[in-house]
Amino acid sequence: MQAAQLLDLARAEATTANPSNLHLIHAGPTGSQLRLPAGWLSVWSAWRGRVALQSPRGRWSLRGGELLLADEGPLDACSDAPSAYLVLAAPNRAWRNLLESIALEPAAETGELLVGQGACPRNVQRGLVHMARGLGRGAAETSLAPLLRALLDEQRELRALAARCNGRTARRRLATLQRLQRVRQLIERSEDPLDLAALARNASYSPWHLMRMYREVFGETPSGHQARLRLARAWALVRDSRLTVCEITERLGFESQSAFCRAFKSAYGLTTTQVRHLPTTAAHARPSRARLHRRWSQTA
């Protein structure tokens, strides 16, 4: 296991004796910097603190208790004390070989894990910890299969959406879902509205094709998804912050305060004033369609 005070795996890969190119990295409470090269898939489990991440697709954060599967790169991570996280990273080809070698279903057919971010399931966190402990006993390989099974089990509902995707084979349908899932991640990371054309370029689709496929697979268009998340942020700001309605309107990019208030009342059935007077026990009583923080593998 490698420490990540200052680690660049783009350079380490050229000198490593690791035959599978599988790296397990631990970042302790003193702060760290880590760079993963392009063409790698990484599994992140943050225990505490906040990890700042940056890739060609943008900047975002991973917080304590969250799980991230990312395939973009180069991917830079920086954390300050106190924070701690584990990362399991390898080139995409190594992950495919690992999945196929242990003959897991459905991985034996697809050889791919889907990207995503959300609350870290306990079985995945346990799998990463057991693998880290197994390194000291020379038993890391035996801990890998249970970890992969846990990841695949958590992705079961998400992977089922591949049936809604175009493609002659299961592998191609899953590849389409992976492309759409990357767009979904971009939307969920960004606090600012994203242009449909820019999202389409990221997925190598035309705007019309992306909008149609996204709706067929996830049940809403990219713009509808962004609107739902914006209203979820609106609830949090109205309920939990001291910002004025005018300031919230400006922060969320609504055209006017009246437009914001109409959208808020339509979504929640309450005015901003009524929400701010709700008792403390009702602070998390948000409509289910406006939930911002979901299980990382949960479908819309």
Protein backbone atom coordinates (compact mmCIF):
# COMPACT_ATOMS: atom_id res chain seq x y z
CA MET A 1 0.00 0.00 0.00
CA GLN A 2 1.30 3.43 -0.94
CA ALA A 3 1.03 6.66 1.03
CA ALA A 4 -0.23 9.68 -0.84
CA GLN A 5 1.53 12.65 0.75
CA LEU A 6 2.76 13.47 -2.79
CA LEU A 7 2.24 10.68 -5.32
CA ASP A 8 2.13 10.79 -9.12
CA LEU A 9 1.10 7.39 -10.48
CA ALA A 10 1.71 8.52 -14.03
CA ARG A 11 5.41 8.33 -13.13
CA ALA A 12 5.11 5.44 -10.69
CA GLU A 13 3.56 3.20 -13.35
CA ALA A 14 6.75 3.30 -15.40
CA THR A 15 8.87 2.00 -12.52
CA THR A 16 6.50 -0.22 -10.55
CA ALA A 17 7.03 -3.95 -10.23
CA ASN A 18 3.31 -4.49 -9.65
CA PRO A 19 2.37 -7.03 -12.34
CA SER A 20 -1.32 -6.12 -12.40
CA ASN A 21 -0.71 -2.35 -12.13
CA LEU A 22 -3.20 -2.35 -9.25
CA HIS A 23 -2.40 0.33 -6.68
CA LEU A 24 -3.92 0.75 -3.22
CA ILE A 25 -3.25 4.22 -1.85
CA HIS A 26 -3.93 5.49 1.64
CA ALA A 27 -4.04 9.18 2.53
CA GLY A 28 -3.65 9.87 6.22
CA PRO A 29 -4.58 12.80 8.44
CA THR A 30 -1.58 14.98 7.51
CA GLY A 31 -2.87 15.98 4.06
CA SER A 32 -1.97 14.60 0.65
CA GLN A 33 -1.62 15.15 -3.08
CA LEU A 34 -2.28 12.44 -5.65
CA ARG A 35 -2.32 12.31 -9.45
CA LEU A 36 -3.84 9.45 -11.48
CA PRO A 37 -3.11 9.22 -15.21
CA ALA A 38 -5.65 9.19 -18.01
CA GLY A 39 -7.04 5.78 -18.91
CA TRP A 40 -7.35 4.63 -15.29
CA LEU A 41 -10.37 3.61 -13.23
CA SER A 42 -10.22 4.42 -9.52
CA VAL A 43 -12.37 3.49 -6.52
CA TRP A 44 -12.31 6.07 -3.71
CA SER A 45 -13.63 5.71 -0.17
CA ALA A 46 -13.38 8.86 1.95
CA TRP A 47 -13.52 8.28 5.69
CA ARG A 48 -13.40 11.84 6.95
CA GLY A 49 -12.64 15.34 5.78
CA ARG A 50 -12.87 16.61 2.22
CA VAL A 51 -10.90 15.70 -0.90
CA ALA A 52 -10.69 18.33 -3.66
CA LEU A 53 -10.66 16.70 -7.11
CA GLN A 54 -9.88 18.11 -10.53
CA SER A 55 -9.89 16.60 -14.02
CA PRO A 56 -10.35 17.90 -17.57
CA ARG A 57 -14.12 17.62 -16.89
CA GLY A 58 -14.11 20.03 -13.96
CA ARG A 59 -13.64 20.42 -10.22
CA TRP A 60 -15.63 18.84 -7.44
CA SER A 61 -15.32 17.37 -3.94
CA LEU A 62 -15.46 14.00 -2.23
CA ARG A 63 -16.56 14.14 1.40
CA GLY A 64 -16.28 11.79 4.34
CA GLY A 65 -18.63 8.81 4.01
CA GLU A 66 -18.77 8.98 0.21
CA LEU A 67 -17.73 6.52 -2.50
CA LEU A 68 -16.47 7.54 -5.93
CA LEU A 69 -15.79 5.49 -9.05
CA ALA A 70 -14.01 7.65 -11.63
CA ASP A 71 -12.52 6.89 -15.03
CA GLU A 72 -11.47 10.39 -16.07
CA GLY A 73 -7.94 11.62 -16.11
CA PRO A 74 -5.50 12.90 -15.45
CA LEU A 75 -7.21 13.15 -12.07
CA ASP A 76 -5.65 15.29 -9.33
CA ALA A 77 -6.62 15.00 -5.67
CA CYS A 78 -5.65 17.25 -2.79
CA SER A 79 -6.70 16.98 0.84
CA ASP A 80 -5.85 18.98 3.94
CA ALA A 81 -5.66 17.76 7.49
CA PRO A 82 -7.64 16.22 8.99
CA SER A 83 -8.78 13.87 6.23
CA ALA A 84 -8.40 10.22 5.33
CA TYR A 85 -9.29 8.10 2.32
CA LEU A 86 -8.43 4.90 0.44
CA VAL A 87 -8.04 4.65 -3.34
CA LEU A 88 -7.83 1.49 -5.42
CA ALA A 89 -6.60 2.42 -8.90
CA ALA A 90 -5.45 0.66 -12.06
CA PRO A 91 -5.45 1.10 -15.84
CA ASN A 92 -8.80 0.25 -17.46
CA ARG A 93 -7.29 -2.80 -19.16
CA ALA A 94 -6.13 -4.14 -15.77
CA TRP A 95 -9.64 -3.80 -14.33
CA ARG A 96 -11.10 -5.68 -17.31
CA ASN A 97 -8.58 -8.47 -16.86
CA LEU A 98 -9.28 -8.68 -13.13
CA LEU A 99 -13.04 -8.81 -13.60
CA GLU A 100 -12.83 -11.47 -16.28
CA SER A 101 -10.21 -13.56 -14.47
CA ILE A 102 -12.39 -14.11 -11.42
CA ALA A 103 -15.34 -15.06 -13.66
CA LEU A 104 -17.92 -12.88 -11.93
CA GLU A 105 -21.38 -12.36 -13.37
CA PRO A 106 -22.28 -10.06 -14.97
CA ALA A 107 -18.70 -8.76 -15.09
CA ALA A 108 -17.56 -11.79 -17.08
CA GLU A 109 -19.78 -10.55 -19.90
CA THR A 110 -19.07 -6.83 -19.62
CA GLY A 111 -15.74 -6.43 -17.88
CA GLU A 112 -16.58 -2.91 -16.72
CA LEU A 113 -17.59 -1.01 -13.60
CA LEU A 114 -19.79 2.07 -13.93
CA VAL A 115 -18.73 5.49 -12.69
CA GLY A 116 -20.68 7.13 -9.88
CA GLN A 117 -20.53 8.99 -6.58
CA GLY A 118 -22.62 8.88 -3.42
CA ALA A 119 -22.87 7.43 0.07
CA CYS A 120 -20.37 4.59 0.52
CA PRO A 121 -22.08 1.24 1.24
CA ARG A 122 -20.69 -0.55 4.27
CA ASN A 123 -19.84 -3.73 2.37
CA VAL A 124 -17.69 -1.78 -0.09
CA GLN A 125 -15.93 0.09 2.71
CA ARG A 126 -15.28 -3.18 4.52
CA GLY A 127 -13.94 -4.71 1.31
CA LEU A 128 -11.41 -1.92 0.85
CA VAL A 129 -10.31 -2.10 4.50
CA HIS A 130 -9.91 -5.89 4.34
CA MET A 131 -7.85 -5.56 1.19
CA ALA A 132 -5.61 -2.97 2.84
CA ARG A 133 -5.10 -5.24 5.85
CA GLY A 134 -4.47 -8.19 3.57
CA LEU A 135 -1.50 -6.45 1.99
CA GLY A 136 0.51 -6.84 5.16
CA ARG A 137 -0.22 -10.57 5.19
CA GLY A 138 0.35 -11.04 1.46
CA ALA A 139 -3.36 -11.83 1.04
CA ALA A 140 -4.60 -8.81 -0.89
CA GLU A 141 -5.54 -10.88 -3.96
CA THR A 142 -7.94 -13.02 -1.94
CA SER A 143 -9.68 -9.86 -0.71
CA LEU A 144 -10.13 -8.48 -4.23
CA ALA A 145 -12.92 -10.80 -5.38
CA PRO A 146 -15.24 -9.98 -2.41
CA LEU A 147 -14.65 -6.28 -3.01
CA LEU A 148 -15.55 -6.57 -6.70
CA ARG A 149 -18.65 -8.58 -5.83
CA ALA A 150 -19.70 -5.85 -3.40
CA LEU A 151 -19.22 -3.15 -6.05
CA LEU A 152 -21.15 -5.11 -8.66
CA ASP A 153 -23.93 -5.85 -6.19
CA GLU A 154 -24.30 -2.15 -5.37
CA GLN A 155 -24.47 -1.38 -9.10
CA ARG A 156 -27.12 -3.98 -9.85
CA GLU A 157 -30.02 -1.51 -10.24
CA LEU A 158 -27.89 0.93 -12.20
CA ARG A 159 -26.56 -1.74 -14.56
CA ALA A 160 -30.12 -2.90 -15.25
CA LEU A 161 -30.67 0.41 -17.06
CA ALA A 162 -28.39 -0.87 -19.83
CA ALA A 163 -31.44 -2.74 -21.15
CA ARG A 164 -32.86 0.66 -22.16
CA CYS A 165 -29.73 1.55 -24.16
CA ASN A 166 -28.99 0.97 -27.82
CA GLY A 167 -26.48 -1.70 -28.82
CA ARG A 168 -26.37 -5.15 -30.38
CA THR A 169 -24.50 -6.74 -27.48
CA ALA A 170 -24.58 -6.43 -23.69
CA ARG A 171 -21.09 -4.93 -23.76
CA ARG A 172 -22.13 -2.18 -26.19
CA ARG A 173 -25.29 -1.38 -24.25
CA LEU A 174 -23.26 -1.06 -21.06
CA ALA A 175 -20.76 1.18 -22.85
CA THR A 176 -23.65 3.45 -23.84
CA LEU A 177 -24.86 3.53 -20.24
CA GLN A 178 -21.34 4.41 -19.11
CA ARG A 179 -21.28 7.41 -21.46
CA LEU A 180 -24.65 8.60 -20.17
CA GLN A 181 -23.54 8.04 -16.58
CA ARG A 182 -20.55 10.33 -17.17
CA VAL A 183 -22.95 13.06 -18.29
CA ARG A 184 -25.08 12.41 -15.23
CA GLN A 185 -22.01 12.84 -13.03
CA LEU A 186 -21.15 16.15 -14.66
CA ILE A 187 -24.66 17.41 -13.95
CA GLU A 188 -24.65 16.28 -10.32
CA ARG A 189 -21.22 17.80 -9.62
CA SER A 190 -21.94 21.24 -11.04
CA GLU A 191 -23.69 24.00 -9.13
CA ASP A 192 -23.98 26.06 -12.33
CA PRO A 193 -26.27 25.29 -15.29
CA LEU A 194 -24.52 23.27 -18.01
CA ASP A 195 -25.25 23.85 -21.67
CA LEU A 196 -26.79 20.87 -23.48
CA ALA A 197 -24.32 21.26 -26.34
CA ALA A 198 -21.38 21.06 -23.91
CA LEU A 199 -22.82 17.94 -22.25
CA ALA A 200 -23.34 16.37 -25.67
CA ARG A 201 -19.73 17.05 -26.64
CA ASN A 202 -18.54 15.31 -23.47
CA ALA A 203 -20.53 12.22 -24.46
CA SER A 204 -19.72 12.46 -28.19
CA TYR A 205 -23.43 12.67 -29.05
CA SER A 206 -25.51 15.29 -30.82
CA PRO A 207 -27.62 17.40 -28.41
CA TRP A 208 -30.84 15.86 -29.74
CA HIS A 209 -29.48 12.32 -29.46
CA LEU A 210 -28.24 12.91 -25.91
CA MET A 211 -31.56 14.42 -24.79
CA ARG A 212 -33.55 11.51 -26.24
CA MET A 213 -31.30 8.78 -24.83
CA TYR A 214 -30.96 10.43 -21.43
CA ARG A 215 -34.74 10.62 -21.09
CA GLU A 216 -35.21 7.01 -22.20
CA VAL A 217 -32.63 5.69 -19.72
CA PHE A 218 -32.99 7.96 -16.68
CA GLY A 219 -36.60 9.13 -17.07
CA GLU A 220 -35.79 12.83 -17.40
CA THR A 221 -33.89 15.09 -19.78
CA PRO A 222 -30.52 16.62 -18.84
CA SER A 223 -32.21 20.01 -18.39
CA GLY A 224 -34.92 18.43 -16.25
CA HIS A 225 -32.26 16.76 -14.11
CA GLN A 226 -30.49 20.07 -13.63
CA ALA A 227 -33.75 21.81 -12.73
CA ARG A 228 -34.54 19.16 -10.11
CA LEU A 229 -31.11 19.47 -8.50
CA ARG A 230 -31.34 23.27 -8.55
CA LEU A 231 -34.62 23.09 -6.64
CA ALA A 232 -33.05 20.69 -4.14
CA ARG A 233 -30.28 23.22 -3.55
CA ALA A 234 -32.93 25.91 -3.25
CA TRP A 235 -34.62 23.98 -0.43
CA ALA A 236 -31.30 23.60 1.41
CA LEU A 237 -30.48 27.29 1.06
CA VAL A 238 -33.95 28.44 2.11
CA ARG A 239 -34.15 26.04 5.04
CA ASP A 240 -30.57 25.97 6.32
CA SER A 241 -28.94 29.29 5.39
CA ARG A 242 -29.43 32.93 6.34
CA LEU A 243 -29.30 34.14 2.74
CA THR A 244 -32.17 36.33 1.62
CA VAL A 245 -34.51 35.10 -1.10
CA CYS A 246 -32.96 37.67 -3.42
CA GLU A 247 -29.46 36.30 -2.72
CA ILE A 248 -30.63 32.71 -3.25
CA THR A 249 -32.26 33.72 -6.53
CA GLU A 250 -28.99 35.21 -7.74
CA ARG A 251 -26.86 32.30 -6.54
CA LEU A 252 -29.02 29.70 -8.29
CA GLY A 253 -29.30 31.66 -11.52
CA PHE A 254 -33.07 32.26 -11.66
CA GLU A 255 -34.23 35.09 -13.91
CA SER A 256 -36.01 36.94 -11.14
CA GLN A 257 -37.11 36.58 -7.54
CA SER A 258 -40.71 36.06 -8.61
CA ALA A 259 -39.66 33.29 -11.03
CA PHE A 260 -37.74 31.59 -8.22
CA CYS A 261 -40.65 31.84 -5.79
CA ARG A 262 -43.10 30.41 -8.36
CA ALA A 263 -40.79 27.47 -9.13
CA PHE A 264 -40.22 26.81 -5.42
CA LYS A 265 -43.94 26.87 -4.58
CA SER A 266 -44.73 24.62 -7.56
CA ALA A 267 -42.10 22.06 -6.54
CA TYR A 268 -42.76 21.92 -2.80
CA GLY A 269 -46.28 23.25 -2.26
CA LEU A 270 -44.90 25.75 0.27
CA THR A 271 -43.64 29.31 0.05
CA THR A 272 -40.10 30.19 1.09
CA THR A 273 -41.50 31.95 4.16
CA GLN A 274 -43.46 28.86 5.21
CA VAL A 275 -40.38 26.65 4.80
CA ARG A 276 -38.27 28.95 6.96
CA HIS A 277 -40.88 28.71 9.71
CA LEU A 278 -41.00 24.91 9.70
CA PRO A 279 -39.97 23.30 13.01
CA THR A 280 -36.43 21.95 13.27
CA THR A 281 -37.73 18.38 13.16
CA ALA A 282 -39.03 19.05 9.65
CA ALA A 283 -35.68 20.26 8.34
CA HIS A 284 -35.15 17.15 6.24
CA ALA A 285 -38.75 16.59 5.15
CA ARG A 286 -37.97 17.21 1.48
CA PRO A 287 -40.02 15.86 -1.43
CA SER A 288 -38.52 12.62 -2.73
CA ARG A 289 -38.03 13.92 -6.30
CA ALA A 290 -35.90 16.79 -5.01
CA ARG A 291 -33.42 14.74 -3.01
CA LEU A 292 -29.89 15.84 -3.78
CA HIS A 293 -27.90 13.28 -1.80
CA ARG A 294 -28.82 9.76 -2.85
CA ARG A 295 -27.23 6.38 -2.60
CA TRP A 296 -24.44 6.51 -5.13
CA SER A 297 -25.91 3.72 -7.26
CA GLN A 298 -29.58 4.75 -6.95
CA THR A 299 -31.44 5.36 -10.18
CA ALA A 300 -33.67 8.34 -10.79
